[in-house]
Amino acid sequence: MNRADRRKLFDLAEAAIDYRDHVASVAVERAGESRDKFRESGGTIVTLSPEEIDAWAAGMPNIAKDWAAGLEEQGLPGDAILAAYMDIMRENGQPISRQWDQE
């Protein structure tokens, strides 16, 4: 790979990061607008306690495993993707109400 090819790859990676950031900012903006409209229409947003979140998660079917199994049936690494995601969550100290990948 020559210098020009490496530069093209760098430019592409930079564009991908810019695009990701743009899409995220649009999503955040739209979420805020939707939340405001919901409240203006009389909606109420309730914040659950960590215990309520844990109970909610415990009462759900394991939809993450179902999603991964669907990918596995297509020959895709669903279990590995789910495990990698959960590992990143654990490594970064994110709150996890259920160990979806370990059930």
PDB file of N, CA and C in Angstrom:
ATOM      1  N   MET A   1       0.857  -1.167   0.000  1.00  0.00           N
ATOM      2  CA  MET A   1       0.000   0.000   0.000  1.00  0.00           C
ATOM      3  C   MET A   1       0.904   1.231   0.000  1.00  0.00           C
ATOM      4  N   ASN A   2       0.657   2.120  -0.937  1.00  0.00           N
ATOM      5  CA  ASN A   2       1.482   3.317  -1.026  1.00  0.00           C
ATOM      6  C   ASN A   2       0.924   4.440  -0.161  1.00  0.00           C
ATOM      7  N   ARG A   3       1.632   5.535  -0.116  1.00  0.00           N
ATOM      8  CA  ARG A   3       1.266   6.670   0.731  1.00  0.00           C
ATOM      9  C   ARG A   3      -0.111   7.241   0.366  1.00  0.00           C
ATOM     10  N   ALA A   4      -0.399   7.325  -0.929  1.00  0.00           N
ATOM     11  CA  ALA A   4      -1.688   7.866  -1.372  1.00  0.00           C
ATOM     12  C   ALA A   4      -2.840   6.972  -0.898  1.00  0.00           C
ATOM     13  N   ASP A   5      -2.639   5.655  -0.971  1.00  0.00           N
ATOM     14  CA  ASP A   5      -3.678   4.723  -0.515  1.00  0.00           C
ATOM     15  C   ASP A   5      -3.889   4.846   0.992  1.00  0.00           C
ATOM     16  N   ARG A   6      -2.810   4.977   1.735  1.00  0.00           N
ATOM     17  CA  ARG A   6      -2.928   5.140   3.188  1.00  0.00           C
ATOM     18  C   ARG A   6      -3.658   6.432   3.519  1.00  0.00           C
ATOM     19  N   ARG A   7      -3.386   7.494   2.765  1.00  0.00           N
ATOM     20  CA  ARG A   7      -4.060   8.773   3.002  1.00  0.00           C
ATOM     21  C   ARG A   7      -5.560   8.653   2.737  1.00  0.00           C
ATOM     22  N   LYS A   8      -5.923   7.919   1.672  1.00  0.00           N
ATOM     23  CA  LYS A   8      -7.334   7.716   1.364  1.00  0.00           C
ATOM     24  C   LYS A   8      -8.031   6.971   2.504  1.00  0.00           C
ATOM     25  N   LEU A   9      -7.364   5.953   3.052  1.00  0.00           N
ATOM     26  CA  LEU A   9      -7.943   5.214   4.169  1.00  0.00           C
ATOM     27  C   LEU A   9      -8.102   6.109   5.393  1.00  0.00           C
ATOM     28  N   PHE A  10      -7.106   6.938   5.648  1.00  0.00           N
ATOM     29  CA  PHE A  10      -7.187   7.866   6.776  1.00  0.00           C
ATOM     30  C   PHE A  10      -8.344   8.835   6.583  1.00  0.00           C
ATOM     31  N   ASP A  11      -8.470   9.371   5.366  1.00  0.00           N
ATOM     32  CA  ASP A  11      -9.562  10.303   5.068  1.00  0.00           C
ATOM     33  C   ASP A  11     -10.918   9.619   5.237  1.00  0.00           C
ATOM     34  N   LEU A  12     -11.023   8.360   4.807  1.00  0.00           N
ATOM     35  CA  LEU A  12     -12.266   7.616   4.941  1.00  0.00           C
ATOM     36  C   LEU A  12     -12.598   7.387   6.426  1.00  0.00           C
ATOM     37  N   ALA A  13     -11.610   7.029   7.205  1.00  0.00           N
ATOM     38  CA  ALA A  13     -11.829   6.815   8.645  1.00  0.00           C
ATOM     39  C   ALA A  13     -12.259   8.117   9.314  1.00  0.00           C
ATOM     40  N   GLU A  14     -11.649   9.194   8.941  1.00  0.00           N
ATOM     41  CA  GLU A  14     -12.005  10.502   9.500  1.00  0.00           C
ATOM     42  C   GLU A  14     -13.434  10.881   9.117  1.00  0.00           C
ATOM     43  N   ALA A  15     -13.808  10.612   7.876  1.00  0.00           N
ATOM     44  CA  ALA A  15     -15.174  10.902   7.426  1.00  0.00           C
ATOM     45  C   ALA A  15     -16.181  10.039   8.181  1.00  0.00           C
ATOM     46  N   ALA A  16     -15.827   8.793   8.439  1.00  0.00           N
ATOM     47  CA  ALA A  16     -16.729   7.905   9.177  1.00  0.00           C
ATOM     48  C   ALA A  16     -16.960   8.428  10.591  1.00  0.00           C
ATOM     49  N   ILE A  17     -15.930   8.922  11.223  1.00  0.00           N
ATOM     50  CA  ILE A  17     -16.059   9.484  12.574  1.00  0.00           C
ATOM     51  C   ILE A  17     -16.929  10.731  12.543  1.00  0.00           C
ATOM     52  N   ASP A  18     -16.700  11.597  11.566  1.00  0.00           N
ATOM     53  CA  ASP A  18     -17.521  12.805  11.434  1.00  0.00           C
ATOM     54  C   ASP A  18     -18.992  12.444  11.208  1.00  0.00           C
ATOM     55  N   TYR A  19     -19.232  11.443  10.371  1.00  0.00           N
ATOM     56  CA  TYR A  19     -20.604  11.010  10.092  1.00  0.00           C
ATOM     57  C   TYR A  19     -21.254  10.449  11.358  1.00  0.00           C
ATOM     58  N   ARG A  20     -20.524   9.608  12.079  1.00  0.00           N
ATOM     59  CA  ARG A  20     -21.035   9.045  13.334  1.00  0.00           C
ATOM     60  C   ARG A  20     -21.438  10.152  14.301  1.00  0.00           C
ATOM     61  N   ASP A  21     -20.569  11.140  14.448  1.00  0.00           N
ATOM     62  CA  ASP A  21     -20.845  12.244  15.367  1.00  0.00           C
ATOM     63  C   ASP A  21     -22.059  13.051  14.921  1.00  0.00           C
ATOM     64  N   HIS A  22     -22.188  13.258  13.615  1.00  0.00           N
ATOM     65  CA  HIS A  22     -23.333  14.005  13.091  1.00  0.00           C
ATOM     66  C   HIS A  22     -24.636  13.242  13.353  1.00  0.00           C
ATOM     67  N   VAL A  23     -24.647  11.947  13.037  1.00  0.00           N
ATOM     68  CA  VAL A  23     -25.848  11.142  13.240  1.00  0.00           C
ATOM     69  C   VAL A  23     -26.224  11.126  14.725  1.00  0.00           C
ATOM     70  N   ALA A  24     -25.244  11.015  15.599  1.00  0.00           N
ATOM     71  CA  ALA A  24     -25.519  11.017  17.040  1.00  0.00           C
ATOM     72  C   ALA A  24     -26.121  12.348  17.475  1.00  0.00           C
ATOM     73  N   SER A  25     -25.594  13.451  16.971  1.00  0.00           N
ATOM     74  CA  SER A  25     -26.119  14.757  17.379  1.00  0.00           C
ATOM     75  C   SER A  25     -27.550  14.952  16.884  1.00  0.00           C
ATOM     76  N   VAL A  26     -27.844  14.480  15.678  1.00  0.00           N
ATOM     77  CA  VAL A  26     -29.213  14.572  15.155  1.00  0.00           C
ATOM     78  C   VAL A  26     -30.146  13.711  16.012  1.00  0.00           C
ATOM     79  N   ALA A  27     -29.713  12.526  16.385  1.00  0.00           N
ATOM     80  CA  ALA A  27     -30.538  11.649  17.219  1.00  0.00           C
ATOM     81  C   ALA A  27     -30.826  12.277  18.573  1.00  0.00           C
ATOM     82  N   VAL A  28     -29.813  12.882  19.182  1.00  0.00           N
ATOM     83  CA  VAL A  28     -30.001  13.533  20.487  1.00  0.00           C
ATOM     84  C   VAL A  28     -30.978  14.702  20.359  1.00  0.00           C
ATOM     85  N   GLU A  29     -30.814  15.486  19.311  1.00  0.00           N
ATOM     86  CA  GLU A  29     -31.706  16.628  19.092  1.00  0.00           C
ATOM     87  C   GLU A  29     -33.151  16.164  18.905  1.00  0.00           C
ATOM     88  N   ARG A  30     -33.352  15.155  18.080  1.00  0.00           N
ATOM     89  CA  ARG A  30     -34.707  14.656  17.830  1.00  0.00           C
ATOM     90  C   ARG A  30     -35.312  14.021  19.076  1.00  0.00           C
ATOM     91  N   ALA A  31     -34.497  13.351  19.852  1.00  0.00           N
ATOM     92  CA  ALA A  31     -34.994  12.753  21.096  1.00  0.00           C
ATOM     93  C   ALA A  31     -35.486  13.841  22.036  1.00  0.00           C
ATOM     94  N   GLY A  32     -34.738  14.921  22.129  1.00  0.00           N
ATOM     95  CA  GLY A  32     -35.156  16.039  22.975  1.00  0.00           C
ATOM     96  C   GLY A  32     -36.458  16.648  22.502  1.00  0.00           C
ATOM     97  N   GLU A  33     -36.590  16.825  21.196  1.00  0.00           N
ATOM     98  CA  GLU A  33     -37.826  17.374  20.635  1.00  0.00           C
ATOM     99  C   GLU A  33     -39.003  16.443  20.915  1.00  0.00           C
ATOM    100  N   SER A  34     -38.788  15.146  20.761  1.00  0.00           N
ATOM    101  CA  SER A  34     -39.856  14.175  21.011  1.00  0.00           C
ATOM    102  C   SER A  34     -40.251  14.176  22.484  1.00  0.00           C
ATOM    103  N   ARG A  35     -39.271  14.243  23.365  1.00  0.00           N
ATOM    104  CA  ARG A  35     -39.545  14.282  24.801  1.00  0.00           C
ATOM    105  C   ARG A  35     -40.368  15.522  25.145  1.00  0.00           C
ATOM    106  N   ASP A  36     -39.987  16.659  24.566  1.00  0.00           N
ATOM    107  CA  ASP A  36     -40.717  17.900  24.823  1.00  0.00           C
ATOM    108  C   ASP A  36     -42.163  17.799  24.331  1.00  0.00           C
ATOM    109  N   LYS A  37     -42.366  17.265  23.136  1.00  0.00           N
ATOM    110  CA  LYS A  37     -43.720  17.119  22.589  1.00  0.00           C
ATOM    111  C   LYS A  37     -44.550  16.170  23.453  1.00  0.00           C
ATOM    112  N   PHE A  38     -43.922  15.113  23.919  1.00  0.00           N
ATOM    113  CA  PHE A  38     -44.618  14.151  24.774  1.00  0.00           C
ATOM    114  C   PHE A  38     -45.100  14.830  26.051  1.00  0.00           C
ATOM    115  N   ARG A  39     -44.230  15.598  26.673  1.00  0.00           N
ATOM    116  CA  ARG A  39     -44.609  16.311  27.905  1.00  0.00           C
ATOM    117  C   ARG A  39     -45.681  17.363  27.636  1.00  0.00           C
ATOM    118  N   GLU A  40     -45.521  18.098  26.527  1.00  0.00           N
ATOM    119  CA  GLU A  40     -46.510  19.122  26.180  1.00  0.00           C
ATOM    120  C   GLU A  40     -47.887  18.517  25.924  1.00  0.00           C
ATOM    121  N   SER A  41     -47.913  17.261  25.513  1.00  0.00           N
ATOM    122  CA  SER A  41     -49.175  16.572  25.246  1.00  0.00           C
ATOM    123  C   SER A  41     -49.738  15.902  26.497  1.00  0.00           C
ATOM    124  N   GLY A  42     -49.105  16.150  27.641  1.00  0.00           N
ATOM    125  CA  GLY A  42     -49.610  15.597  28.895  1.00  0.00           C
ATOM    126  C   GLY A  42     -48.918  14.334  29.350  1.00  0.00           C
ATOM    127  N   GLY A  43     -47.909  13.908  28.630  1.00  0.00           N
ATOM    128  CA  GLY A  43     -47.186  12.696  29.008  1.00  0.00           C
ATOM    129  C   GLY A  43     -46.320  12.913  30.237  1.00  0.00           C
ATOM    130  N   THR A  44     -46.074  11.837  30.943  1.00  0.00           N
ATOM    131  CA  THR A  44     -45.234  11.876  32.132  1.00  0.00           C
ATOM    132  C   THR A  44     -44.079  10.905  31.953  1.00  0.00           C
ATOM    133  N   ILE A  45     -42.899  11.362  32.249  1.00  0.00           N
ATOM    134  CA  ILE A  45     -41.710  10.513  32.189  1.00  0.00           C
ATOM    135  C   ILE A  45     -41.337  10.157  33.621  1.00  0.00           C
ATOM    136  N   VAL A  46     -41.208   8.872  33.874  1.00  0.00           N
ATOM    137  CA  VAL A  46     -40.901   8.380  35.206  1.00  0.00           C
ATOM    138  C   VAL A  46     -39.501   7.787  35.200  1.00  0.00           C
ATOM    139  N   THR A  47     -38.701   8.176  36.177  1.00  0.00           N
ATOM    140  CA  THR A  47     -37.363   7.610  36.319  1.00  0.00           C
ATOM    141  C   THR A  47     -37.442   6.446  37.307  1.00  0.00           C
ATOM    142  N   LEU A  48     -37.031   5.271  36.853  1.00  0.00           N
ATOM    143  CA  LEU A  48     -37.069   4.094  37.709  1.00  0.00           C
ATOM    144  C   LEU A  48     -35.837   4.039  38.602  1.00  0.00           C
ATOM    145  N   SER A  49     -36.011   3.491  39.777  1.00  0.00           N
ATOM    146  CA  SER A  49     -34.880   3.282  40.681  1.00  0.00           C
ATOM    147  C   SER A  49     -34.057   2.110  40.146  1.00  0.00           C
ATOM    148  N   PRO A  50     -32.808   1.971  40.568  1.00  0.00           N
ATOM    149  CA  PRO A  50     -32.017   0.811  40.144  1.00  0.00           C
ATOM    150  C   PRO A  50     -32.700  -0.520  40.478  1.00  0.00           C
ATOM    151  N   GLU A  51     -33.377  -0.585  41.609  1.00  0.00           N
ATOM    152  CA  GLU A  51     -34.069  -1.814  41.998  1.00  0.00           C
ATOM    153  C   GLU A  51     -35.242  -2.109  41.059  1.00  0.00           C
ATOM    154  N   GLU A  52     -35.956  -1.059  40.654  1.00  0.00           N
ATOM    155  CA  GLU A  52     -37.064  -1.243  39.719  1.00  0.00           C
ATOM    156  C   GLU A  52     -36.555  -1.686  38.349  1.00  0.00           C
ATOM    157  N   ILE A  53     -35.435  -1.135  37.950  1.00  0.00           N
ATOM    158  CA  ILE A  53     -34.833  -1.530  36.669  1.00  0.00           C
ATOM    159  C   ILE A  53     -34.415  -2.993  36.716  1.00  0.00           C
ATOM    160  N   ASP A  54     -33.802  -3.406  37.829  1.00  0.00           N
ATOM    161  CA  ASP A  54     -33.381  -4.806  37.979  1.00  0.00           C
ATOM    162  C   ASP A  54     -34.581  -5.744  37.922  1.00  0.00           C
ATOM    163  N   ALA A  55     -35.669  -5.367  38.603  1.00  0.00           N
ATOM    164  CA  ALA A  55     -36.874  -6.205  38.606  1.00  0.00           C
ATOM    165  C   ALA A  55     -37.473  -6.290  37.205  1.00  0.00           C
ATOM    166  N   TRP A  56     -37.492  -5.169  36.498  1.00  0.00           N
ATOM    167  CA  TRP A  56     -38.016  -5.139  35.135  1.00  0.00           C
ATOM    168  C   TRP A  56     -37.191  -6.062  34.231  1.00  0.00           C
ATOM    169  N   ALA A  57     -35.860  -5.944  34.326  1.00  0.00           N
ATOM    170  CA  ALA A  57     -34.981  -6.779  33.501  1.00  0.00           C
ATOM    171  C   ALA A  57     -35.154  -8.259  33.840  1.00  0.00           C
ATOM    172  N   ALA A  58     -35.294  -8.569  35.123  1.00  0.00           N
ATOM    173  CA  ALA A  58     -35.446  -9.966  35.544  1.00  0.00           C
ATOM    174  C   ALA A  58     -36.739 -10.577  35.029  1.00  0.00           C
ATOM    175  N   GLY A  59     -37.756  -9.756  34.846  1.00  0.00           N
ATOM    176  CA  GLY A  59     -39.051 -10.257  34.400  1.00  0.00           C
ATOM    177  C   GLY A  59     -39.190 -10.408  32.897  1.00  0.00           C
ATOM    178  N   MET A  60     -38.185  -9.955  32.161  1.00  0.00           N
ATOM    179  CA  MET A  60     -38.244 -10.028  30.698  1.00  0.00           C
ATOM    180  C   MET A  60     -37.688 -11.349  30.192  1.00  0.00           C
ATOM    181  N   PRO A  61     -38.151 -11.798  29.027  1.00  0.00           N
ATOM    182  CA  PRO A  61     -37.446 -12.911  28.385  1.00  0.00           C
ATOM    183  C   PRO A  61     -36.065 -12.415  27.960  1.00  0.00           C
ATOM    184  N   ASN A  62     -35.142 -13.316  27.755  1.00  0.00           N
ATOM    185  CA  ASN A  62     -33.793 -12.909  27.359  1.00  0.00           C
ATOM    186  C   ASN A  62     -33.772 -12.575  25.873  1.00  0.00           C
ATOM    187  N   ILE A  63     -34.232 -11.356  25.562  1.00  0.00           N
ATOM    188  CA  ILE A  63     -34.319 -10.938  24.155  1.00  0.00           C
ATOM    189  C   ILE A  63     -32.940 -10.770  23.522  1.00  0.00           C
ATOM    190  N   ALA A  64     -31.937 -10.489  24.332  1.00  0.00           N
ATOM    191  CA  ALA A  64     -30.577 -10.367  23.785  1.00  0.00           C
ATOM    192  C   ALA A  64     -30.089 -11.719  23.279  1.00  0.00           C
ATOM    193  N   LYS A  65     -30.325 -12.764  24.047  1.00  0.00           N
ATOM    194  CA  LYS A  65     -29.927 -14.112  23.615  1.00  0.00           C
ATOM    195  C   LYS A  65     -30.736 -14.543  22.398  1.00  0.00           C
ATOM    196  N   ASP A  66     -32.028 -14.175  22.376  1.00  0.00           N
ATOM    197  CA  ASP A  66     -32.860 -14.500  21.212  1.00  0.00           C
ATOM    198  C   ASP A  66     -32.308 -13.820  19.963  1.00  0.00           C
ATOM    199  N   TRP A  67     -31.912 -12.546  20.110  1.00  0.00           N
ATOM    200  CA  TRP A  67     -31.329 -11.803  18.991  1.00  0.00           C
ATOM    201  C   TRP A  67     -30.050 -12.499  18.512  1.00  0.00           C
ATOM    202  N   ALA A  68     -29.192 -12.863  19.473  1.00  0.00           N
ATOM    203  CA  ALA A  68     -27.928 -13.520  19.124  1.00  0.00           C
ATOM    204  C   ALA A  68     -28.190 -14.864  18.442  1.00  0.00           C
ATOM    205  N   ALA A  69     -29.159 -15.617  18.947  1.00  0.00           N
ATOM    206  CA  ALA A  69     -29.480 -16.915  18.353  1.00  0.00           C
ATOM    207  C   ALA A  69     -29.968 -16.749  16.912  1.00  0.00           C
ATOM    208  N   GLY A  70     -30.739 -15.699  16.658  1.00  0.00           N
ATOM    209  CA  GLY A  70     -31.190 -15.433  15.293  1.00  0.00           C
ATOM    210  C   GLY A  70     -30.030 -15.182  14.345  1.00  0.00           C
ATOM    211  N   LEU A  71     -29.033 -14.464  14.832  1.00  0.00           N
ATOM    212  CA  LEU A  71     -27.845 -14.244  14.003  1.00  0.00           C
ATOM    213  C   LEU A  71     -27.077 -15.540  13.795  1.00  0.00           C
ATOM    214  N   GLU A  72     -26.952 -16.329  14.852  1.00  0.00           N
ATOM    215  CA  GLU A  72     -26.236 -17.612  14.744  1.00  0.00           C
ATOM    216  C   GLU A  72     -26.899 -18.508  13.704  1.00  0.00           C
ATOM    217  N   GLU A  73     -28.227 -18.504  13.670  1.00  0.00           N
ATOM    218  CA  GLU A  73     -28.956 -19.309  12.676  1.00  0.00           C
ATOM    219  C   GLU A  73     -28.640 -18.881  11.248  1.00  0.00           C
ATOM    220  N   GLN A  74     -28.237 -17.614  11.084  1.00  0.00           N
ATOM    221  CA  GLN A  74     -27.873 -17.093   9.766  1.00  0.00           C
ATOM    222  C   GLN A  74     -26.385 -17.275   9.477  1.00  0.00           C
ATOM    223  N   GLY A  75     -25.679 -17.954  10.391  1.00  0.00           N
ATOM    224  CA  GLY A  75     -24.252 -18.164  10.210  1.00  0.00           C
ATOM    225  C   GLY A  75     -23.408 -16.975  10.647  1.00  0.00           C
ATOM    226  N   LEU A  76     -24.003 -16.068  11.408  1.00  0.00           N
ATOM    227  CA  LEU A  76     -23.296 -14.879  11.886  1.00  0.00           C
ATOM    228  C   LEU A  76     -22.952 -15.050  13.367  1.00  0.00           C
ATOM    229  N   PRO A  77     -21.922 -14.366  13.850  1.00  0.00           N
ATOM    230  CA  PRO A  77     -21.439 -14.574  15.224  1.00  0.00           C
ATOM    231  C   PRO A  77     -22.234 -13.812  16.287  1.00  0.00           C
ATOM    232  N   GLY A  78     -23.527 -14.109  16.397  1.00  0.00           N
ATOM    233  CA  GLY A  78     -24.379 -13.405  17.351  1.00  0.00           C
ATOM    234  C   GLY A  78     -23.922 -13.549  18.785  1.00  0.00           C
ATOM    235  N   ASP A  79     -23.564 -14.768  19.196  1.00  0.00           N
ATOM    236  CA  ASP A  79     -23.124 -14.980  20.572  1.00  0.00           C
ATOM    237  C   ASP A  79     -21.848 -14.198  20.867  1.00  0.00           C
ATOM    238  N   ALA A  80     -20.927 -14.184  19.920  1.00  0.00           N
ATOM    239  CA  ALA A  80     -19.667 -13.458  20.108  1.00  0.00           C
ATOM    240  C   ALA A  80     -19.910 -11.949  20.171  1.00  0.00           C
ATOM    241  N   ILE A  81     -20.815 -11.449  19.359  1.00  0.00           N
ATOM    242  CA  ILE A  81     -21.128 -10.017  19.369  1.00  0.00           C
ATOM    243  C   ILE A  81     -21.740  -9.636  20.712  1.00  0.00           C
ATOM    244  N   LEU A  82     -22.711 -10.427  21.172  1.00  0.00           N
ATOM    245  CA  LEU A  82     -23.352 -10.145  22.453  1.00  0.00           C
ATOM    246  C   LEU A  82     -22.345 -10.204  23.591  1.00  0.00           C
ATOM    247  N   ALA A  83     -21.494 -11.226  23.599  1.00  0.00           N
ATOM    248  CA  ALA A  83     -20.483 -11.349  24.657  1.00  0.00           C
ATOM    249  C   ALA A  83     -19.508 -10.176  24.620  1.00  0.00           C
ATOM    250  N   ALA A  84     -19.095  -9.768  23.431  1.00  0.00           N
ATOM    251  CA  ALA A  84     -18.163  -8.638  23.318  1.00  0.00           C
ATOM    252  C   ALA A  84     -18.812  -7.360  23.834  1.00  0.00           C
ATOM    253  N   TYR A  85     -20.061  -7.138  23.487  1.00  0.00           N
ATOM    254  CA  TYR A  85     -20.780  -5.946  23.965  1.00  0.00           C
ATOM    255  C   TYR A  85     -20.877  -5.959  25.486  1.00  0.00           C
ATOM    256  N   MET A  86     -21.301  -7.078  26.034  1.00  0.00           N
ATOM    257  CA  MET A  86     -21.439  -7.168  27.487  1.00  0.00           C
ATOM    258  C   MET A  86     -20.091  -7.027  28.184  1.00  0.00           C
ATOM    259  N   ASP A  87     -19.043  -7.598  27.602  1.00  0.00           N
ATOM    260  CA  ASP A  87     -17.702  -7.457  28.190  1.00  0.00           C
ATOM    261  C   ASP A  87     -17.276  -5.993  28.229  1.00  0.00           C
ATOM    262  N   ILE A  88     -17.548  -5.264  27.158  1.00  0.00           N
ATOM    263  CA  ILE A  88     -17.209  -3.832  27.123  1.00  0.00           C
ATOM    264  C   ILE A  88     -17.993  -3.083  28.198  1.00  0.00           C
ATOM    265  N   MET A  89     -19.261  -3.414  28.354  1.00  0.00           N
ATOM    266  CA  MET A  89     -20.072  -2.784  29.400  1.00  0.00           C
ATOM    267  C   MET A  89     -19.466  -3.055  30.775  1.00  0.00           C
ATOM    268  N   ARG A  90     -19.104  -4.317  31.033  1.00  0.00           N
ATOM    269  CA  ARG A  90     -18.523  -4.678  32.336  1.00  0.00           C
ATOM    270  C   ARG A  90     -17.180  -3.987  32.541  1.00  0.00           C
ATOM    271  N   GLU A  91     -16.326  -4.000  31.524  1.00  0.00           N
ATOM    272  CA  GLU A  91     -14.994  -3.394  31.627  1.00  0.00           C
ATOM    273  C   GLU A  91     -15.060  -1.896  31.909  1.00  0.00           C
ATOM    274  N   ASN A  92     -16.131  -1.253  31.462  1.00  0.00           N
ATOM    275  CA  ASN A  92     -16.275   0.186  31.630  1.00  0.00           C
ATOM    276  C   ASN A  92     -17.172   0.577  32.798  1.00  0.00           C
ATOM    277  N   GLY A  93     -17.482  -0.398  33.637  1.00  0.00           N
ATOM    278  CA  GLY A  93     -18.236  -0.113  34.843  1.00  0.00           C
ATOM    279  C   GLY A  93     -19.659   0.369  34.603  1.00  0.00           C
ATOM    280  N   GLN A  94     -20.239  -0.016  33.472  1.00  0.00           N
ATOM    281  CA  GLN A  94     -21.611   0.395  33.176  1.00  0.00           C
ATOM    282  C   GLN A  94     -22.586  -0.435  34.005  1.00  0.00           C
ATOM    283  N   PRO A  95     -23.678   0.168  34.435  1.00  0.00           N
ATOM    284  CA  PRO A  95     -24.649  -0.598  35.213  1.00  0.00           C
ATOM    285  C   PRO A  95     -25.302  -1.676  34.350  1.00  0.00           C
ATOM    286  N   ILE A  96     -25.307  -2.885  34.841  1.00  0.00           N
ATOM    287  CA  ILE A  96     -25.895  -4.010  34.120  1.00  0.00           C
ATOM    288  C   ILE A  96     -26.888  -4.677  35.060  1.00  0.00           C
ATOM    289  N   SER A  97     -28.141  -4.702  34.650  1.00  0.00           N
ATOM    290  CA  SER A  97     -29.179  -5.284  35.485  1.00  0.00           C
ATOM    291  C   SER A  97     -29.295  -6.790  35.297  1.00  0.00           C
ATOM    292  N   ARG A  98     -28.754  -7.272  34.200  1.00  0.00           N
ATOM    293  CA  ARG A  98     -28.869  -8.707  33.912  1.00  0.00           C
ATOM    294  C   ARG A  98     -27.706  -9.102  33.009  1.00  0.00           C
ATOM    295  N   GLN A  99     -27.102 -10.217  33.293  1.00  0.00           N
ATOM    296  CA  GLN A  99     -25.971 -10.705  32.499  1.00  0.00           C
ATOM    297  C   GLN A  99     -26.522 -11.510  31.317  1.00  0.00           C
ATOM    298  N   TRP A 100     -27.042 -10.774  30.351  1.00  0.00           N
ATOM    299  CA  TRP A 100     -27.775 -11.372  29.235  1.00  0.00           C
ATOM    300  C   TRP A 100     -26.980 -12.452  28.504  1.00  0.00           C
ATOM    301  N   ASP A 101     -25.697 -12.260  28.381  1.00  0.00           N
ATOM    302  CA  ASP A 101     -24.863 -13.192  27.615  1.00  0.00           C
ATOM    303  C   ASP A 101     -24.486 -14.438  28.405  1.00  0.00           C
ATOM    304  N   GLN A 102     -24.704 -14.440  29.704  1.00  0.00           N
ATOM    305  CA  GLN A 102     -24.240 -15.563  30.530  1.00  0.00           C
ATOM    306  C   GLN A 102     -25.365 -16.477  30.986  1.00  0.00           C
ATOM    307  N   GLU A 103     -26.537 -16.287  30.459  1.00  0.00           N
ATOM    308  CA  GLU A 103     -27.675 -17.150  30.840  1.00  0.00           C
ATOM    309  C   GLU A 103     -27.818 -18.293  29.891  1.00  0.00           C
TER     310      GLU A 103
END
